Amino acid sequence: MNNETKKIVLNGLMIALVCIATMTIQIPMPGTNGYVNIGDSVIFISSILFGPVVGMIAGGIGSALADILSGYEHWAIFTLIIKGLEGYVVGIVIRNHYTTIKSLFATALGTITMVTGYFLAGIILKGSIIISAASIPGNLIQGIVCMAIAILLSHSLAKVKYVKTFKAHS
């Protein structure tokens, strides 16, 4: 398989995994018409293992697709931007040098990016700072749980020979 084909396969796989992880567990947040999910863990894993571009593509498209398929179309454009930026930020901080401390810092910045993005998007969609602020605790919990999942899984997956072959081409 040539390098371009590997990149396409990797991006498609990570988009699908983000979408599935996002749709598998959805805890509705009534005040904001959003939901808490574990899709961020796959965004973080994508960014840590394969870099900022794969993280951005997987995070943005996979999460926006999950919104559309789950009936949250009104969030999709915001999600595309927020989750794409989240994946990019994590990947830029990691920059092919994975350590547990660096991934903790990178995913914390990714979580802050996500929480801030959805707070601002909520203000636009709901027209209220107070209603939008109600999403902050749920998004923080989501981010922290996904950080733990991603750091543990990334540490293990980084050692897998097959994953390393994709990393070399991302």
N, C-alpha and C. Protein backbone atom coordinates (compact mmCIF):
# COMPACT_ATOMS: atom_id res chain seq x y z
N MET A 1 0.85 -1.17 0.00
CA MET A 1 0.00 0.00 0.00
C MET A 1 0.90 1.24 0.00
N ASN A 2 0.65 2.16 -0.94
CA ASN A 2 1.50 3.35 -1.00
C ASN A 2 1.12 4.35 0.10
N ASN A 3 1.97 5.36 0.26
CA ASN A 3 1.80 6.32 1.36
C ASN A 3 0.49 7.10 1.28
N GLU A 4 0.09 7.50 0.07
CA GLU A 4 -1.14 8.28 -0.08
C GLU A 4 -2.36 7.42 0.30
N THR A 5 -2.34 6.18 -0.10
CA THR A 5 -3.43 5.27 0.24
C THR A 5 -3.50 5.06 1.75
N LYS A 6 -2.34 4.91 2.39
CA LYS A 6 -2.31 4.74 3.85
C LYS A 6 -2.89 5.96 4.55
N LYS A 7 -2.59 7.15 4.05
CA LYS A 7 -3.14 8.38 4.66
C LYS A 7 -4.66 8.42 4.54
N ILE A 8 -5.16 8.06 3.36
CA ILE A 8 -6.61 8.07 3.15
C ILE A 8 -7.29 7.05 4.06
N VAL A 9 -6.71 5.85 4.13
CA VAL A 9 -7.27 4.80 4.98
C VAL A 9 -7.24 5.23 6.44
N LEU A 10 -6.12 5.77 6.89
CA LEU A 10 -5.99 6.22 8.28
C LEU A 10 -7.01 7.29 8.61
N ASN A 11 -7.14 8.29 7.75
CA ASN A 11 -8.12 9.36 8.00
C ASN A 11 -9.54 8.81 8.04
N GLY A 12 -9.88 7.96 7.09
CA GLY A 12 -11.23 7.37 7.06
C GLY A 12 -11.51 6.54 8.30
N LEU A 13 -10.52 5.75 8.71
CA LEU A 13 -10.68 4.92 9.90
C LEU A 13 -10.88 5.77 11.15
N MET A 14 -10.08 6.80 11.31
CA MET A 14 -10.18 7.63 12.50
C MET A 14 -11.47 8.45 12.50
N ILE A 15 -11.92 8.91 11.33
CA ILE A 15 -13.21 9.61 11.24
C ILE A 15 -14.32 8.68 11.71
N ALA A 16 -14.30 7.45 11.22
CA ALA A 16 -15.33 6.47 11.60
C ALA A 16 -15.28 6.16 13.09
N LEU A 17 -14.08 5.99 13.63
CA LEU A 17 -13.95 5.68 15.06
C LEU A 17 -14.43 6.83 15.94
N VAL A 18 -14.12 8.07 15.55
CA VAL A 18 -14.61 9.23 16.31
C VAL A 18 -16.13 9.26 16.26
N CYS A 19 -16.70 9.06 15.08
CA CYS A 19 -18.16 9.08 14.93
C CYS A 19 -18.81 8.00 15.79
N ILE A 20 -18.28 6.79 15.73
CA ILE A 20 -18.84 5.67 16.50
C ILE A 20 -18.71 5.92 18.00
N ALA A 21 -17.53 6.36 18.44
CA ALA A 21 -17.32 6.62 19.87
C ALA A 21 -18.24 7.74 20.36
N THR A 22 -18.48 8.72 19.51
CA THR A 22 -19.35 9.83 19.87
C THR A 22 -20.81 9.38 19.97
N MET A 23 -21.22 8.49 19.08
CA MET A 23 -22.62 8.07 19.03
C MET A 23 -22.93 6.93 20.00
N THR A 24 -21.94 6.17 20.43
CA THR A 24 -22.18 5.00 21.26
C THR A 24 -22.73 5.37 22.63
N ILE A 25 -22.11 6.32 23.28
CA ILE A 25 -22.57 6.76 24.60
C ILE A 25 -22.89 8.25 24.50
N GLN A 26 -24.15 8.59 24.59
CA GLN A 26 -24.58 9.99 24.54
C GLN A 26 -25.47 10.27 25.75
N ILE A 27 -24.99 11.16 26.59
CA ILE A 27 -25.77 11.56 27.76
C ILE A 27 -26.29 12.97 27.47
N PRO A 28 -27.60 13.12 27.24
CA PRO A 28 -28.17 14.43 26.88
C PRO A 28 -27.95 15.49 27.96
N MET A 29 -27.73 16.72 27.51
CA MET A 29 -27.63 17.89 28.39
C MET A 29 -28.81 18.79 28.06
N PRO A 30 -29.92 18.66 28.78
CA PRO A 30 -31.16 19.36 28.43
C PRO A 30 -31.03 20.87 28.27
N GLY A 31 -30.26 21.52 29.08
CA GLY A 31 -30.16 22.98 29.02
C GLY A 31 -29.58 23.49 27.72
N THR A 32 -28.69 22.73 27.12
CA THR A 32 -28.00 23.21 25.91
C THR A 32 -28.39 22.44 24.65
N ASN A 33 -29.24 21.44 24.78
CA ASN A 33 -29.60 20.57 23.65
C ASN A 33 -28.38 19.90 23.04
N GLY A 34 -27.38 19.62 23.84
CA GLY A 34 -26.20 18.89 23.42
C GLY A 34 -26.12 17.58 24.16
N TYR A 35 -24.95 16.95 24.14
CA TYR A 35 -24.77 15.68 24.85
C TYR A 35 -23.31 15.47 25.21
N VAL A 36 -23.09 14.70 26.26
CA VAL A 36 -21.76 14.31 26.71
C VAL A 36 -21.46 12.96 26.06
N ASN A 37 -20.22 12.76 25.60
CA ASN A 37 -19.84 11.53 24.92
C ASN A 37 -18.36 11.23 25.14
N ILE A 38 -17.89 10.09 24.59
CA ILE A 38 -16.47 9.74 24.73
C ILE A 38 -15.69 9.88 23.42
N GLY A 39 -16.25 10.56 22.46
CA GLY A 39 -15.58 10.74 21.18
C GLY A 39 -14.26 11.49 21.28
N ASP A 40 -14.14 12.36 22.27
CA ASP A 40 -12.89 13.11 22.43
C ASP A 40 -11.70 12.19 22.69
N SER A 41 -11.95 11.05 23.30
CA SER A 41 -10.84 10.13 23.56
C SER A 41 -10.23 9.67 22.24
N VAL A 42 -11.04 9.43 21.23
CA VAL A 42 -10.52 9.00 19.92
C VAL A 42 -9.85 10.17 19.21
N ILE A 43 -10.39 11.36 19.37
CA ILE A 43 -9.73 12.55 18.80
C ILE A 43 -8.34 12.69 19.41
N PHE A 44 -8.25 12.58 20.72
CA PHE A 44 -6.96 12.69 21.39
C PHE A 44 -6.00 11.58 20.93
N ILE A 45 -6.48 10.36 20.82
CA ILE A 45 -5.64 9.25 20.37
C ILE A 45 -5.15 9.52 18.94
N SER A 46 -6.03 9.97 18.07
CA SER A 46 -5.66 10.29 16.69
C SER A 46 -4.55 11.33 16.65
N SER A 47 -4.71 12.36 17.45
CA SER A 47 -3.73 13.45 17.47
C SER A 47 -2.40 13.03 18.08
N ILE A 48 -2.46 12.27 19.15
CA ILE A 48 -1.24 11.82 19.83
C ILE A 48 -0.45 10.87 18.94
N LEU A 49 -1.14 9.91 18.35
CA LEU A 49 -0.45 8.88 17.57
C LEU A 49 -0.10 9.31 16.15
N PHE A 50 -0.94 10.12 15.53
CA PHE A 50 -0.78 10.39 14.10
C PHE A 50 -0.61 11.85 13.73
N GLY A 51 -0.62 12.75 14.70
CA GLY A 51 -0.33 14.15 14.42
C GLY A 51 -1.53 15.06 14.28
N PRO A 52 -1.25 16.35 14.11
CA PRO A 52 -2.31 17.36 14.13
C PRO A 52 -3.28 17.29 12.96
N VAL A 53 -2.83 16.93 11.78
CA VAL A 53 -3.73 16.92 10.62
C VAL A 53 -4.73 15.77 10.74
N VAL A 54 -4.25 14.58 11.09
CA VAL A 54 -5.16 13.45 11.27
C VAL A 54 -6.13 13.74 12.42
N GLY A 55 -5.62 14.29 13.52
CA GLY A 55 -6.49 14.65 14.66
C GLY A 55 -7.54 15.67 14.28
N MET A 56 -7.14 16.65 13.46
CA MET A 56 -8.07 17.69 13.03
C MET A 56 -9.15 17.11 12.11
N ILE A 57 -8.73 16.32 11.15
CA ILE A 57 -9.69 15.74 10.20
C ILE A 57 -10.64 14.78 10.92
N ALA A 58 -10.08 13.88 11.71
CA ALA A 58 -10.91 12.90 12.43
C ALA A 58 -11.84 13.59 13.42
N GLY A 59 -11.30 14.54 14.18
CA GLY A 59 -12.11 15.24 15.17
C GLY A 59 -13.22 16.06 14.56
N GLY A 60 -12.89 16.85 13.56
CA GLY A 60 -13.89 17.72 12.94
C GLY A 60 -14.96 16.96 12.19
N ILE A 61 -14.54 16.13 11.26
CA ILE A 61 -15.50 15.43 10.41
C ILE A 61 -16.23 14.33 11.18
N GLY A 62 -15.50 13.53 11.95
CA GLY A 62 -16.14 12.44 12.70
C GLY A 62 -17.17 12.94 13.69
N SER A 63 -16.84 14.01 14.41
CA SER A 63 -17.78 14.55 15.40
C SER A 63 -18.96 15.26 14.75
N ALA A 64 -18.72 16.00 13.67
CA ALA A 64 -19.81 16.67 12.97
C ALA A 64 -20.75 15.64 12.36
N LEU A 65 -20.18 14.57 11.82
CA LEU A 65 -21.00 13.49 11.27
C LEU A 65 -21.88 12.86 12.36
N ALA A 66 -21.30 12.67 13.53
CA ALA A 66 -22.07 12.12 14.66
C ALA A 66 -23.22 13.05 15.04
N ASP A 67 -22.97 14.36 15.03
CA ASP A 67 -24.04 15.32 15.32
C ASP A 67 -25.17 15.19 14.30
N ILE A 68 -24.80 15.13 13.03
CA ILE A 68 -25.81 15.04 11.97
C ILE A 68 -26.61 13.75 12.09
N LEU A 69 -25.92 12.64 12.31
CA LEU A 69 -26.59 11.34 12.41
C LEU A 69 -27.40 11.18 13.68
N SER A 70 -27.09 11.98 14.70
CA SER A 70 -27.78 11.87 15.99
C SER A 70 -28.91 12.88 16.16
N GLY A 71 -29.14 13.70 15.15
CA GLY A 71 -30.22 14.67 15.24
C GLY A 71 -29.82 16.01 15.85
N TYR A 72 -28.53 16.27 15.90
CA TYR A 72 -28.03 17.54 16.45
C TYR A 72 -27.42 18.39 15.34
N GLU A 73 -28.09 18.44 14.19
CA GLU A 73 -27.56 19.15 13.02
C GLU A 73 -27.21 20.60 13.31
N HIS A 74 -27.96 21.22 14.20
CA HIS A 74 -27.73 22.62 14.53
C HIS A 74 -26.35 22.84 15.17
N TRP A 75 -25.73 21.79 15.70
CA TRP A 75 -24.40 21.90 16.29
C TRP A 75 -23.29 21.53 15.31
N ALA A 76 -23.61 20.91 14.19
CA ALA A 76 -22.62 20.28 13.31
C ALA A 76 -21.52 21.23 12.83
N ILE A 77 -21.86 22.41 12.38
CA ILE A 77 -20.82 23.32 11.86
C ILE A 77 -19.90 23.78 12.99
N PHE A 78 -20.48 24.04 14.16
CA PHE A 78 -19.68 24.42 15.30
C PHE A 78 -18.77 23.26 15.72
N THR A 79 -19.33 22.07 15.73
CA THR A 79 -18.58 20.88 16.10
C THR A 79 -17.43 20.64 15.13
N LEU A 80 -17.68 20.80 13.85
CA LEU A 80 -16.63 20.64 12.84
C LEU A 80 -15.43 21.52 13.16
N ILE A 81 -15.69 22.76 13.50
CA ILE A 81 -14.62 23.72 13.81
C ILE A 81 -14.00 23.43 15.17
N ILE A 82 -14.82 23.26 16.19
CA ILE A 82 -14.32 23.08 17.56
C ILE A 82 -13.51 21.79 17.69
N LYS A 83 -14.07 20.68 17.25
CA LYS A 83 -13.38 19.39 17.39
C LYS A 83 -12.18 19.30 16.46
N GLY A 84 -12.27 19.92 15.30
CA GLY A 84 -11.11 19.98 14.41
C GLY A 84 -9.97 20.75 15.06
N LEU A 85 -10.29 21.88 15.64
CA LEU A 85 -9.28 22.69 16.34
C LEU A 85 -8.72 21.95 17.54
N GLU A 86 -9.59 21.26 18.26
CA GLU A 86 -9.17 20.47 19.42
C GLU A 86 -8.12 19.42 19.00
N GLY A 87 -8.42 18.67 17.94
CA GLY A 87 -7.47 17.66 17.46
C GLY A 87 -6.17 18.27 16.99
N TYR A 88 -6.27 19.41 16.32
CA TYR A 88 -5.07 20.09 15.82
C TYR A 88 -4.18 20.57 16.96
N VAL A 89 -4.79 21.17 17.97
CA VAL A 89 -4.04 21.67 19.13
C VAL A 89 -3.28 20.54 19.82
N VAL A 90 -3.96 19.43 20.07
CA VAL A 90 -3.31 18.29 20.73
C VAL A 90 -2.14 17.78 19.89
N GLY A 91 -2.35 17.63 18.61
CA GLY A 91 -1.30 17.13 17.73
C GLY A 91 -0.10 18.06 17.64
N ILE A 92 -0.35 19.35 17.62
CA ILE A 92 0.75 20.33 17.56
C ILE A 92 1.59 20.28 18.84
N VAL A 93 0.95 20.16 19.97
CA VAL A 93 1.69 20.11 21.24
C VAL A 93 2.53 18.84 21.33
N ILE A 94 1.98 17.72 20.88
CA ILE A 94 2.71 16.44 20.94
C ILE A 94 3.89 16.42 19.97
N ARG A 95 3.68 16.83 18.74
CA ARG A 95 4.72 16.88 17.69
C ARG A 95 5.70 15.72 17.69
N ASN A 96 5.20 14.55 17.47
CA ASN A 96 6.03 13.34 17.31
C ASN A 96 6.94 13.02 18.49
N HIS A 97 6.69 13.62 19.63
CA HIS A 97 7.50 13.30 20.81
C HIS A 97 6.54 13.01 21.96
N TYR A 98 6.17 11.75 22.08
CA TYR A 98 5.16 11.35 23.05
C TYR A 98 5.80 11.07 24.41
N THR A 99 5.31 11.77 25.42
CA THR A 99 5.58 11.42 26.82
C THR A 99 4.25 11.55 27.54
N THR A 100 4.13 10.89 28.66
CA THR A 100 2.88 10.96 29.41
C THR A 100 2.58 12.38 29.86
N ILE A 101 3.60 13.08 30.32
CA ILE A 101 3.41 14.46 30.78
C ILE A 101 2.99 15.36 29.63
N LYS A 102 3.66 15.20 28.49
CA LYS A 102 3.33 16.02 27.32
C LYS A 102 1.91 15.72 26.82
N SER A 103 1.51 14.45 26.85
CA SER A 103 0.16 14.12 26.40
C SER A 103 -0.89 14.61 27.40
N LEU A 104 -0.55 14.63 28.67
CA LEU A 104 -1.46 15.18 29.68
C LEU A 104 -1.67 16.68 29.43
N PHE A 105 -0.59 17.39 29.18
CA PHE A 105 -0.66 18.82 28.89
C PHE A 105 -1.43 19.07 27.59
N ALA A 106 -1.12 18.29 26.54
CA ALA A 106 -1.75 18.47 25.24
C ALA A 106 -3.26 18.22 25.31
N THR A 107 -3.64 17.13 25.97
CA THR A 107 -5.07 16.82 26.06
C THR A 107 -5.81 17.81 26.97
N ALA A 108 -5.12 18.34 27.97
CA ALA A 108 -5.72 19.39 28.80
C ALA A 108 -6.01 20.64 27.95
N LEU A 109 -5.05 21.00 27.09
CA LEU A 109 -5.29 22.13 26.19
C LEU A 109 -6.41 21.83 25.20
N GLY A 110 -6.46 20.59 24.74
CA GLY A 110 -7.56 20.18 23.86
C GLY A 110 -8.90 20.28 24.55
N THR A 111 -8.94 19.87 25.80
CA THR A 111 -10.18 19.96 26.57
C THR A 111 -10.59 21.41 26.77
N ILE A 112 -9.65 22.26 27.10
CA ILE A 112 -9.94 23.69 27.26
C ILE A 112 -10.46 24.28 25.95
N THR A 113 -9.85 23.88 24.83
CA THR A 113 -10.31 24.33 23.52
C THR A 113 -11.76 23.92 23.28
N MET A 114 -12.08 22.67 23.60
CA MET A 114 -13.43 22.14 23.40
C MET A 114 -14.44 22.86 24.30
N VAL A 115 -14.12 22.99 25.58
CA VAL A 115 -15.05 23.63 26.52
C VAL A 115 -15.29 25.09 26.12
N THR A 116 -14.24 25.80 25.79
CA THR A 116 -14.36 27.20 25.38
C THR A 116 -15.16 27.31 24.08
N GLY A 117 -14.86 26.44 23.13
CA GLY A 117 -15.56 26.47 21.85
C GLY A 117 -17.04 26.24 22.00
N TYR A 118 -17.41 25.23 22.78
CA TYR A 118 -18.84 24.97 22.97
C TYR A 118 -19.52 26.04 23.82
N PHE A 119 -18.81 26.65 24.71
CA PHE A 119 -19.38 27.77 25.47
C PHE A 119 -19.73 28.91 24.51
N LEU A 120 -18.79 29.25 23.63
CA LEU A 120 -19.03 30.33 22.66
C LEU A 120 -20.12 29.95 21.66
N ALA A 121 -20.10 28.71 21.18
CA ALA A 121 -21.13 28.24 20.24
C ALA A 121 -22.50 28.26 20.90
N GLY A 122 -22.55 27.89 22.17
CA GLY A 122 -23.81 27.90 22.91
C GLY A 122 -24.38 29.30 23.04
N ILE A 123 -23.52 30.28 23.22
CA ILE A 123 -23.98 31.67 23.29
C ILE A 123 -24.63 32.06 21.96
N ILE A 124 -24.01 31.65 20.86
CA ILE A 124 -24.56 31.96 19.53
C ILE A 124 -25.88 31.23 19.30
N LEU A 125 -25.91 29.93 19.58
CA LEU A 125 -27.11 29.13 19.31
C LEU A 125 -28.27 29.44 20.26
N LYS A 126 -27.94 29.65 21.52
CA LYS A 126 -28.99 29.85 22.52
C LYS A 126 -29.24 31.32 22.84
N GLY A 127 -28.31 32.18 22.48
CA GLY A 127 -28.47 33.60 22.75
C GLY A 127 -28.38 33.94 24.22
N SER A 128 -27.73 33.07 24.99
CA SER A 128 -27.65 33.30 26.43
C SER A 128 -26.33 32.78 26.99
N ILE A 129 -25.64 33.64 27.69
CA ILE A 129 -24.39 33.24 28.35
C ILE A 129 -24.69 32.26 29.48
N ILE A 130 -25.77 32.48 30.20
CA ILE A 130 -26.11 31.63 31.35
C ILE A 130 -26.45 30.21 30.89
N ILE A 131 -27.27 30.08 29.86
CA ILE A 131 -27.61 28.75 29.35
C ILE A 131 -26.36 28.06 28.82
N SER A 132 -25.54 28.80 28.10
CA SER A 132 -24.31 28.23 27.56
C SER A 132 -23.35 27.81 28.67
N ALA A 133 -23.29 28.59 29.73
CA ALA A 133 -22.40 28.26 30.85
C ALA A 133 -22.79 26.94 31.52
N ALA A 134 -24.05 26.55 31.37
CA ALA A 134 -24.51 25.29 31.96
C ALA A 134 -23.83 24.08 31.33
N SER A 135 -23.27 24.25 30.13
CA SER A 135 -22.60 23.15 29.45
C SER A 135 -21.16 22.93 29.95
N ILE A 136 -20.62 23.89 30.66
CA ILE A 136 -19.21 23.83 31.06
C ILE A 136 -18.91 22.62 31.97
N PRO A 137 -19.66 22.36 33.02
CA PRO A 137 -19.33 21.21 33.87
C PRO A 137 -19.37 19.87 33.11
N GLY A 138 -20.40 19.66 32.31
CA GLY A 138 -20.50 18.42 31.54
C GLY A 138 -19.37 18.26 30.55
N ASN A 139 -19.02 19.35 29.87
CA ASN A 139 -17.92 19.31 28.91
C ASN A 139 -16.57 19.09 29.60
N LEU A 140 -16.40 19.67 30.78
CA LEU A 140 -15.16 19.43 31.54
C LEU A 140 -15.04 17.97 31.97
N ILE A 141 -16.13 17.42 32.46
CA ILE A 141 -16.12 16.01 32.87
C ILE A 141 -15.83 15.13 31.65
N GLN A 142 -16.50 15.41 30.54
CA GLN A 142 -16.25 14.67 29.30
C GLN A 142 -14.78 14.74 28.92
N GLY A 143 -14.21 15.94 28.94
CA GLY A 143 -12.81 16.12 28.56
C GLY A 143 -11.86 15.37 29.47
N ILE A 144 -12.10 15.43 30.76
CA ILE A 144 -11.21 14.76 31.73
C ILE A 144 -11.28 13.24 31.59
N VAL A 145 -12.49 12.71 31.45
CA VAL A 145 -12.65 11.26 31.26
C VAL A 145 -11.97 10.84 29.96
N CYS A 146 -12.17 11.60 28.91
CA CYS A 146 -11.55 11.27 27.62
C CYS A 146 -10.03 11.42 27.66
N MET A 147 -9.53 12.34 28.43
CA MET A 147 -8.08 12.46 28.62
C MET A 147 -7.51 11.17 29.20
N ALA A 148 -8.14 10.68 30.25
CA ALA A 148 -7.66 9.46 30.91
C ALA A 148 -7.69 8.27 29.96
N ILE A 149 -8.81 8.11 29.24
CA ILE A 149 -8.94 7.01 28.28
C ILE A 149 -7.86 7.12 27.21
N ALA A 150 -7.71 8.31 26.65
CA ALA A 150 -6.77 8.51 25.54
C ALA A 150 -5.32 8.31 25.95
N ILE A 151 -4.95 8.83 27.09
CA ILE A 151 -3.55 8.70 27.52
C ILE A 151 -3.20 7.24 27.77
N LEU A 152 -4.09 6.52 28.43
CA LEU A 152 -3.84 5.10 28.68
C LEU A 152 -3.76 4.31 27.37
N LEU A 153 -4.73 4.50 26.49
CA LEU A 153 -4.74 3.75 25.24
C LEU A 153 -3.60 4.16 24.30
N SER A 154 -3.30 5.44 24.23
CA SER A 154 -2.22 5.91 23.36
C SER A 154 -0.88 5.33 23.78
N HIS A 155 -0.67 5.27 25.07
CA HIS A 155 0.58 4.71 25.60
C HIS A 155 0.74 3.26 25.12
N SER A 156 -0.32 2.50 25.18
CA SER A 156 -0.28 1.10 24.74
C SER A 156 -0.20 0.99 23.22
N LEU A 157 -1.03 1.74 22.52
CA LEU A 157 -1.07 1.65 21.06
C LEU A 157 0.22 2.14 20.40
N ALA A 158 0.91 3.08 21.02
CA ALA A 158 2.16 3.60 20.45
C ALA A 158 3.22 2.52 20.31
N LYS A 159 3.09 1.44 21.06
CA LYS A 159 4.06 0.36 21.03
C LYS A 159 3.74 -0.70 19.97
N VAL A 160 2.56 -0.66 19.38
CA VAL A 160 2.13 -1.67 18.42
C VAL A 160 2.81 -1.40 17.07
N LYS A 161 3.42 -2.44 16.53
CA LYS A 161 4.19 -2.32 15.29
C LYS A 161 3.32 -1.79 14.14
N TYR A 162 2.12 -2.31 14.01
CA TYR A 162 1.23 -1.90 12.93
C TYR A 162 0.87 -0.42 13.04
N VAL A 163 0.62 0.05 14.24
CA VAL A 163 0.30 1.47 14.46
C VAL A 163 1.50 2.33 14.06
N LYS A 164 2.70 1.86 14.38
CA LYS A 164 3.92 2.59 14.02
C LYS A 164 4.05 2.75 12.51
N THR A 165 3.60 1.77 11.73
CA THR A 165 3.69 1.90 10.26
C THR A 165 2.79 3.01 9.76
N PHE A 166 1.63 3.19 10.37
CA PHE A 166 0.75 4.29 9.99
C PHE A 166 1.33 5.62 10.44
N LYS A 167 1.92 5.64 11.62
CA LYS A 167 2.49 6.87 12.16
C LYS A 167 3.58 7.41 11.24
N ALA A 168 4.35 6.52 10.65
CA ALA A 168 5.43 6.93 9.76
C ALA A 168 4.91 7.63 8.51
N HIS A 169 3.64 7.39 8.16
CA HIS A 169 3.08 7.97 6.93
C HIS A 169 2.05 9.05 7.16
N SER A 170 1.79 9.38 8.42
CA SER A 170 0.76 10.39 8.69
C SER A 170 1.31 11.79 8.62
